[in-house]
C-alpha atoms as a PDB file:
ATOM      1  CA  MET A   1       0.269 -25.384   7.466  1.00  0.00           C
ATOM      2  CA  ALA A   2       1.105 -25.442  11.177  1.00  0.00           C
ATOM      3  CA  ASP A   3       3.470 -28.431  10.966  1.00  0.00           C
ATOM      4  CA  THR A   4       5.860 -27.297   8.243  1.00  0.00           C
ATOM      5  CA  LYS A   5       8.942 -29.240   9.409  1.00  0.00           C
ATOM      6  CA  LEU A   6      11.450 -26.938   7.723  1.00  0.00           C
ATOM      7  CA  THR A   7      14.603 -27.512   9.780  1.00  0.00           C
ATOM      8  CA  VAL A   8      17.236 -30.214  10.090  1.00  0.00           C
ATOM      9  CA  GLY A   9      16.094 -30.745  13.679  1.00  0.00           C
ATOM     10  CA  ASP A  10      12.696 -31.835  12.363  1.00  0.00           C
ATOM     11  CA  TRP A  11      14.201 -34.587  10.186  1.00  0.00           C
ATOM     12  CA  MET A  12      17.491 -35.687  11.760  1.00  0.00           C
ATOM     13  CA  THR A  13      18.053 -38.912  13.624  1.00  0.00           C
ATOM     14  CA  PRO A  14      18.615 -37.721  17.204  1.00  0.00           C
ATOM     15  CA  ASP A  15      21.269 -39.180  19.500  1.00  0.00           C
ATOM     16  CA  PRO A  16      22.976 -41.399  16.919  1.00  0.00           C
ATOM     17  CA  MET A  17      25.098 -44.357  17.907  1.00  0.00           C
ATOM     18  CA  THR A  18      28.738 -43.299  18.306  1.00  0.00           C
ATOM     19  CA  ILE A  19      32.118 -44.955  18.684  1.00  0.00           C
ATOM     20  CA  ASP A  20      35.196 -43.948  20.651  1.00  0.00           C
ATOM     21  CA  GLU A  21      38.279 -42.951  18.651  1.00  0.00           C
ATOM     22  CA  GLU A  22      40.312 -45.675  20.390  1.00  0.00           C
ATOM     23  CA  ALA A  23      37.859 -48.445  19.428  1.00  0.00           C
ATOM     24  CA  SER A  24      39.198 -50.820  16.814  1.00  0.00           C
ATOM     25  CA  VAL A  25      38.262 -50.905  13.153  1.00  0.00           C
ATOM     26  CA  ILE A  26      36.798 -54.376  13.793  1.00  0.00           C
ATOM     27  CA  GLU A  27      34.568 -52.976  16.561  1.00  0.00           C
ATOM     28  CA  ALA A  28      33.343 -50.261  14.186  1.00  0.00           C
ATOM     29  CA  VAL A  29      32.596 -52.784  11.432  1.00  0.00           C
ATOM     30  CA  HIS A  30      30.656 -54.946  13.892  1.00  0.00           C
ATOM     31  CA  ALA A  31      28.701 -51.936  15.226  1.00  0.00           C
ATOM     32  CA  LEU A  32      27.704 -50.876  11.709  1.00  0.00           C
ATOM     33  CA  LYS A  33      26.576 -54.372  10.768  1.00  0.00           C
ATOM     34  CA  GLU A  34      24.769 -55.013  14.071  1.00  0.00           C
ATOM     35  CA  LYS A  35      22.749 -51.787  13.878  1.00  0.00           C
ATOM     36  CA  ASN A  36      22.407 -51.818  10.073  1.00  0.00           C
ATOM     37  CA  ILE A  37      23.813 -48.297   9.747  1.00  0.00           C
ATOM     38  CA  ARG A  38      26.490 -46.810   7.504  1.00  0.00           C
ATOM     39  CA  ARG A  39      28.151 -44.085   9.571  1.00  0.00           C
ATOM     40  CA  LEU A  40      29.338 -43.502  13.111  1.00  0.00           C
ATOM     41  CA  PRO A  41      30.316 -40.210  14.701  1.00  0.00           C
ATOM     42  CA  VAL A  42      33.672 -40.685  16.434  1.00  0.00           C
ATOM     43  CA  MET A  43      34.014 -39.364  19.982  1.00  0.00           C
ATOM     44  CA  SER A  44      36.839 -38.628  22.400  1.00  0.00           C
ATOM     45  CA  HIS A  45      36.017 -37.788  26.017  1.00  0.00           C
ATOM     46  CA  GLY A  46      32.453 -36.830  25.020  1.00  0.00           C
ATOM     47  CA  ARG A  47      33.565 -34.576  22.139  1.00  0.00           C
ATOM     48  CA  LEU A  48      32.977 -35.146  18.439  1.00  0.00           C
ATOM     49  CA  VAL A  49      36.349 -35.705  16.757  1.00  0.00           C
ATOM     50  CA  GLY A  50      35.396 -37.270  13.443  1.00  0.00           C
ATOM     51  CA  LEU A  51      33.211 -39.550  11.387  1.00  0.00           C
ATOM     52  CA  VAL A  52      33.781 -43.057  10.146  1.00  0.00           C
ATOM     53  CA  THR A  53      31.663 -44.641   7.441  1.00  0.00           C
ATOM     54  CA  GLU A  54      31.232 -48.128   6.108  1.00  0.00           C
ATOM     55  CA  LYS A  55      32.951 -47.026   2.890  1.00  0.00           C
ATOM     56  CA  MET A  56      35.956 -45.642   4.807  1.00  0.00           C
ATOM     57  CA  LEU A  57      36.328 -48.872   6.749  1.00  0.00           C
ATOM     58  CA  LEU A  58      36.077 -51.010   3.623  1.00  0.00           C
ATOM     59  CA  GLY A  59      38.676 -48.793   1.983  1.00  0.00           C
ATOM     60  CA  TYR A  60      40.942 -49.269   4.984  1.00  0.00           C
ATOM     61  CA  MET A  61      40.946 -53.054   4.624  1.00  0.00           C
ATOM     62  CA  PRO A  62      43.970 -54.599   2.919  1.00  0.00           C
ATOM     63  CA  ALA A  63      43.531 -55.686  -0.691  1.00  0.00           C
ATOM     64  CA  LYS A  64      42.396 -59.238  -1.417  1.00  0.00           C
ATOM     65  CA  ALA A  65      45.845 -59.856  -2.920  1.00  0.00           C
ATOM     66  CA  THR A  66      47.440 -59.574   0.523  1.00  0.00           C
ATOM     67  CA  THR A  67      49.425 -62.496   1.855  1.00  0.00           C
ATOM     68  CA  LEU A  68      47.818 -62.127   5.285  1.00  0.00           C
ATOM     69  CA  ASP A  69      45.565 -64.979   6.298  1.00  0.00           C
ATOM     70  CA  GLN A  70      42.140 -64.308   7.828  1.00  0.00           C
ATOM     71  CA  TRP A  71      43.406 -64.519  11.418  1.00  0.00           C
ATOM     72  CA  GLU A  72      46.326 -62.160  10.788  1.00  0.00           C
ATOM     73  CA  LEU A  73      44.013 -59.701   9.071  1.00  0.00           C
ATOM     74  CA  HIS A  74      41.498 -59.840  11.938  1.00  0.00           C
ATOM     75  CA  TYR A  75      44.312 -59.328  14.467  1.00  0.00           C
ATOM     76  CA  LEU A  76      45.689 -56.340  12.547  1.00  0.00           C
ATOM     77  CA  LEU A  77      42.264 -54.670  12.278  1.00  0.00           C
ATOM     78  CA  SER A  78      41.511 -55.399  15.940  1.00  0.00           C
ATOM     79  CA  LYS A  79      44.655 -53.426  16.850  1.00  0.00           C
ATOM     80  CA  THR A  80      43.964 -50.522  14.453  1.00  0.00           C
ATOM     81  CA  PRO A  81      42.055 -47.655  16.091  1.00  0.00           C
ATOM     82  CA  VAL A  82      39.088 -46.030  14.363  1.00  0.00           C
ATOM     83  CA  LYS A  83      40.900 -42.685  14.455  1.00  0.00           C
ATOM     84  CA  ALA A  84      43.285 -44.064  11.806  1.00  0.00           C
ATOM     85  CA  ALA A  85      40.402 -44.561   9.364  1.00  0.00           C
ATOM     86  CA  MET A  86      38.073 -41.658  10.259  1.00  0.00           C
ATOM     87  CA  ASN A  87      37.479 -38.294   8.611  1.00  0.00           C
ATOM     88  CA  PRO A  88      38.601 -35.785  11.283  1.00  0.00           C
ATOM     89  CA  THR A  89      36.687 -32.894   9.693  1.00  0.00           C
ATOM     90  CA  PRO A  90      33.180 -34.111   8.815  1.00  0.00           C
ATOM     91  CA  HIS A  91      30.579 -31.687   7.474  1.00  0.00           C
ATOM     92  CA  THR A  92      28.300 -30.382  10.198  1.00  0.00           C
ATOM     93  CA  VAL A  93      25.032 -28.460  10.380  1.00  0.00           C
ATOM     94  CA  ARG A  94      22.905 -27.136  13.228  1.00  0.00           C
ATOM     95  CA  PRO A  95      19.382 -28.296  14.142  1.00  0.00           C
ATOM     96  CA  GLU A  96      18.004 -24.903  13.055  1.00  0.00           C
ATOM     97  CA  THR A  97      19.603 -25.167   9.584  1.00  0.00           C
ATOM     98  CA  PRO A  98      16.856 -25.149   6.925  1.00  0.00           C
ATOM     99  CA  ILE A  99      16.314 -28.656   5.567  1.00  0.00           C
ATOM    100  CA  ALA A 100      16.611 -27.313   1.990  1.00  0.00           C
ATOM    101  CA  GLU A 101      20.072 -25.913   2.789  1.00  0.00           C
ATOM    102  CA  ALA A 102      21.209 -29.223   4.287  1.00  0.00           C
ATOM    103  CA  ALA A 103      19.788 -31.164   1.313  1.00  0.00           C
ATOM    104  CA  LYS A 104      21.701 -28.853  -1.035  1.00  0.00           C
ATOM    105  CA  LEU A 105      24.894 -29.549   0.946  1.00  0.00           C
ATOM    106  CA  LEU A 106      24.284 -33.302   0.651  1.00  0.00           C
ATOM    107  CA  HIS A 107      23.720 -32.928  -3.094  1.00  0.00           C
ATOM    108  CA  ASP A 108      26.510 -30.486  -3.917  1.00  0.00           C
ATOM    109  CA  ARG A 109      29.179 -32.278  -1.870  1.00  0.00           C
ATOM    110  CA  LYS A 110      27.897 -35.764  -2.820  1.00  0.00           C
ATOM    111  CA  LEU A 111      27.534 -36.651   0.861  1.00  0.00           C
ATOM    112  CA  ASN A 112      25.463 -39.444   2.332  1.00  0.00           C
ATOM    113  CA  GLY A 113      25.041 -37.705   5.648  1.00  0.00           C
ATOM    114  CA  VAL A 114      26.066 -34.779   7.844  1.00  0.00           C
ATOM    115  CA  ILE A 115      26.609 -34.508  11.577  1.00  0.00           C
ATOM    116  CA  VAL A 116      24.202 -32.253  13.496  1.00  0.00           C
ATOM    117  CA  VAL A 117      25.771 -30.251  16.329  1.00  0.00           C
ATOM    118  CA  ASP A 118      24.487 -27.620  18.743  1.00  0.00           C
ATOM    119  CA  PRO A 119      26.091 -24.143  18.958  1.00  0.00           C
ATOM    120  CA  ASP A 120      28.701 -25.543  21.388  1.00  0.00           C
ATOM    121  CA  GLY A 121      29.701 -28.254  18.899  1.00  0.00           C
ATOM    122  CA  LYS A 122      28.008 -31.021  20.898  1.00  0.00           C
ATOM    123  CA  LEU A 123      26.655 -33.916  18.843  1.00  0.00           C
ATOM    124  CA  VAL A 124      22.847 -33.905  18.774  1.00  0.00           C
ATOM    125  CA  GLY A 125      22.019 -35.931  15.669  1.00  0.00           C
ATOM    126  CA  ILE A 126      22.803 -37.025  12.165  1.00  0.00           C
ATOM    127  CA  LEU A 127      21.019 -36.157   8.939  1.00  0.00           C
ATOM    128  CA  THR A 128      21.279 -38.790   6.219  1.00  0.00           C
ATOM    129  CA  THR A 129      20.136 -38.883   2.621  1.00  0.00           C
ATOM    130  CA  THR A 130      17.356 -41.173   3.843  1.00  0.00           C
ATOM    131  CA  ASN A 131      16.193 -38.430   6.234  1.00  0.00           C
ATOM    132  CA  ALA A 132      16.318 -35.886   3.382  1.00  0.00           C
ATOM    133  CA  LEU A 133      14.258 -38.214   1.167  1.00  0.00           C
ATOM    134  CA  GLU A 134      11.704 -38.588   3.977  1.00  0.00           C
ATOM    135  CA  ALA A 135      11.413 -34.773   3.966  1.00  0.00           C
ATOM    136  CA  LEU A 136      10.969 -34.757   0.186  1.00  0.00           C
ATOM    137  CA  ILE A 137       8.206 -37.372   0.427  1.00  0.00           C
ATOM    138  CA  PHE A 138       6.484 -35.323   3.138  1.00  0.00           C
ATOM    139  CA  PHE A 139       6.653 -32.076   1.150  1.00  0.00           C
ATOM    140  CA  ALA A 140       5.486 -33.755  -2.068  1.00  0.00           C
ATOM    141  CA  ALA A 141       2.504 -35.258  -0.216  1.00  0.00           C
ATOM    142  CA  GLN A 142       1.681 -31.842   1.309  1.00  0.00           C
ATOM    143  CA  ALA A 143       1.864 -30.196  -2.126  1.00  0.00           C
ATOM    144  CA  GLY A 144      -0.455 -32.891  -3.523  1.00  0.00           C
ATOM    145  CA  LYS A 145      -3.069 -32.090  -0.867  1.00  0.00           C
ATOM    146  CA  GLY A 146      -3.070 -28.366  -1.634  1.00  0.00           C
END
């Protein structure tokens, strides 16, 4: 089997959309909705500094019982930087990491995705559970042919 596709680099989404740490929570919410994605690597001066997910942003919103009206809430979130809501230490893997090892990390840590970085720590991709399932489908189809 010449095309075995055994590494994270074979399955990751390369060059994912990112957001700057100074961008507002509202900007992050809009970016996620516009691109129909659930996570954004957070950058500062071209360096990866964290990860923000849809779930984190929803958890950062005030409770429905708040006395803030819609405009006050929007104003507050437009002034709140993403760095206040992000995870500053996201799980990372390298492109050469075996896909089985990355899938085990996703499973064991109950993660929905991991950031893919090169040896210098530069962002090169993201591996999501969807990517891992695509690998599983591929391997199951290959096994069915043999």
